Protein backbone atom coordinates (compact mmCIF):
# COMPACT_ATOMS: atom_id res chain seq x y z
CA MET A 1 12.84 -154.22 -47.07
CA ILE A 2 13.09 -151.19 -49.35
CA ILE A 3 10.43 -148.49 -49.04
CA TYR A 4 9.74 -146.24 -52.00
CA ASN A 5 7.89 -143.23 -50.57
CA VAL A 6 6.02 -140.80 -52.79
CA THR A 7 4.86 -137.64 -51.00
CA VAL A 8 2.17 -135.84 -52.98
CA ASN A 9 0.50 -132.47 -52.53
CA VAL A 10 -2.83 -132.24 -54.35
CA GLU A 11 -4.79 -129.07 -55.12
CA GLU A 12 -8.15 -128.98 -53.40
CA SER A 13 -10.03 -128.55 -56.71
CA ILE A 14 -9.09 -132.08 -57.87
CA HIS A 15 -8.49 -133.72 -54.50
CA LEU A 16 -11.43 -136.16 -54.45
CA ASP A 17 -11.04 -137.14 -58.10
CA TRP A 18 -7.31 -137.75 -57.59
CA LEU A 19 -7.88 -139.78 -54.42
CA ASN A 20 -10.39 -142.02 -56.18
CA TRP A 21 -8.04 -142.43 -59.16
CA MET A 22 -5.14 -143.34 -56.87
CA LYS A 23 -7.13 -145.99 -55.03
CA THR A 24 -8.88 -147.54 -58.01
CA ILE A 25 -6.39 -147.14 -60.87
CA HIS A 26 -2.89 -145.89 -60.11
CA ILE A 27 -1.95 -147.89 -57.02
CA PRO A 28 -3.37 -151.11 -58.52
CA GLU A 29 -1.29 -150.45 -61.67
CA VAL A 30 1.87 -149.94 -59.60
CA MET A 31 1.20 -153.12 -57.63
CA ALA A 32 0.47 -155.06 -60.84
CA THR A 33 4.09 -154.52 -61.91
CA GLY A 34 5.04 -157.20 -59.38
CA MET A 35 7.93 -155.10 -58.08
CA PHE A 36 6.31 -154.35 -54.72
CA VAL A 37 4.87 -156.70 -52.10
CA LYS A 38 2.62 -154.23 -50.28
CA HIS A 39 1.72 -150.56 -50.05
CA ARG A 40 0.27 -148.01 -47.64
CA MET A 41 -1.40 -144.70 -48.30
CA LEU A 42 -1.29 -142.11 -45.54
CA LYS A 43 -2.76 -138.64 -45.28
CA LEU A 44 -0.67 -136.00 -43.53
CA ILE A 45 -2.51 -134.34 -40.70
CA SER A 46 -0.01 -131.61 -39.84
CA LYS A 47 0.41 -128.74 -42.29
CA GLN A 48 2.76 -125.83 -42.71
CA GLU A 49 1.14 -122.42 -42.24
CA ASP A 50 1.24 -121.58 -45.96
CA GLU A 51 0.50 -125.09 -47.25
CA LEU A 52 -2.49 -125.47 -49.54
CA GLY A 53 -4.31 -128.59 -50.68
CA GLU A 54 -4.00 -132.05 -49.20
CA THR A 55 -0.79 -134.02 -48.75
CA TYR A 56 -0.38 -137.80 -48.85
CA ALA A 57 2.47 -140.26 -48.51
CA ILE A 58 2.19 -143.43 -50.54
CA GLN A 59 4.66 -146.11 -49.53
CA TYR A 60 5.50 -149.08 -51.71
CA TYR A 61 7.49 -151.96 -50.20
CA ALA A 62 10.03 -153.84 -52.33
CA GLU A 63 11.95 -156.92 -51.28
CA SER A 64 15.17 -155.64 -52.88
CA LEU A 65 16.85 -152.69 -54.54
CA ASP A 66 16.82 -154.71 -57.76
CA ASN A 67 13.00 -154.72 -57.67
CA TYR A 68 12.95 -150.97 -57.06
CA PHE A 69 15.38 -150.27 -59.93
CA ASP A 70 13.44 -152.60 -62.22
CA TYR A 71 10.32 -150.58 -61.42
CA GLN A 72 12.10 -147.27 -62.03
CA ASN A 73 13.58 -148.39 -65.34
CA ASN A 74 10.67 -150.33 -66.81
CA PHE A 75 7.42 -149.02 -65.34
CA ALA A 76 7.74 -145.65 -63.58
CA PRO A 77 8.16 -143.38 -66.64
CA ALA A 78 4.84 -144.42 -68.21
CA LEU A 79 2.98 -144.27 -64.89
CA LYS A 80 4.37 -140.82 -64.10
CA GLN A 81 3.35 -139.64 -67.57
CA LYS A 82 -0.24 -140.76 -66.99
CA THR A 83 -0.37 -138.71 -63.80
CA LEU A 84 1.04 -135.67 -65.57
CA GLU A 85 -1.44 -135.97 -68.43
CA LEU A 86 -4.41 -136.25 -66.04
CA TYR A 87 -3.49 -133.69 -63.40
CA GLY A 88 -0.60 -131.58 -64.64
CA GLU A 89 0.87 -129.28 -62.03
CA LYS A 90 -2.13 -129.65 -59.73
CA VAL A 91 -0.30 -132.64 -58.26
CA LEU A 92 3.25 -132.12 -57.00
CA ALA A 93 5.31 -135.07 -55.81
CA PHE A 94 8.70 -135.81 -54.39
CA ARG A 95 10.14 -139.25 -53.91
CA THR A 96 12.41 -140.80 -51.31
CA LEU A 97 13.93 -144.23 -51.00
CA MET A 98 14.33 -145.77 -47.56
CA GLU A 99 15.54 -149.01 -46.08
CA GLU A 100 13.90 -150.70 -43.13
CA VAL A 101 16.42 -151.27 -40.34
């Protein structure tokens, strides 16, 4: 199983709006691509001393690297653009790819 992890820091001023959008629009759109079989959304409890806002990890589970690359090539650019248009730099994300062992 391949896990595509997106760690996101969200400014407090848009936090609740972003969280609702993620749960009702964005995650369902990602899952509708058919490239992932399940997902989890986790909120980080521990924070660095100078960290602001709220931080989440959204994990999408793909059955193969081919599914992940298909997502990256055919769906991710448009979905990332939507996020940028809605929230700009108030949402900062970094992505990691992991394999379940």
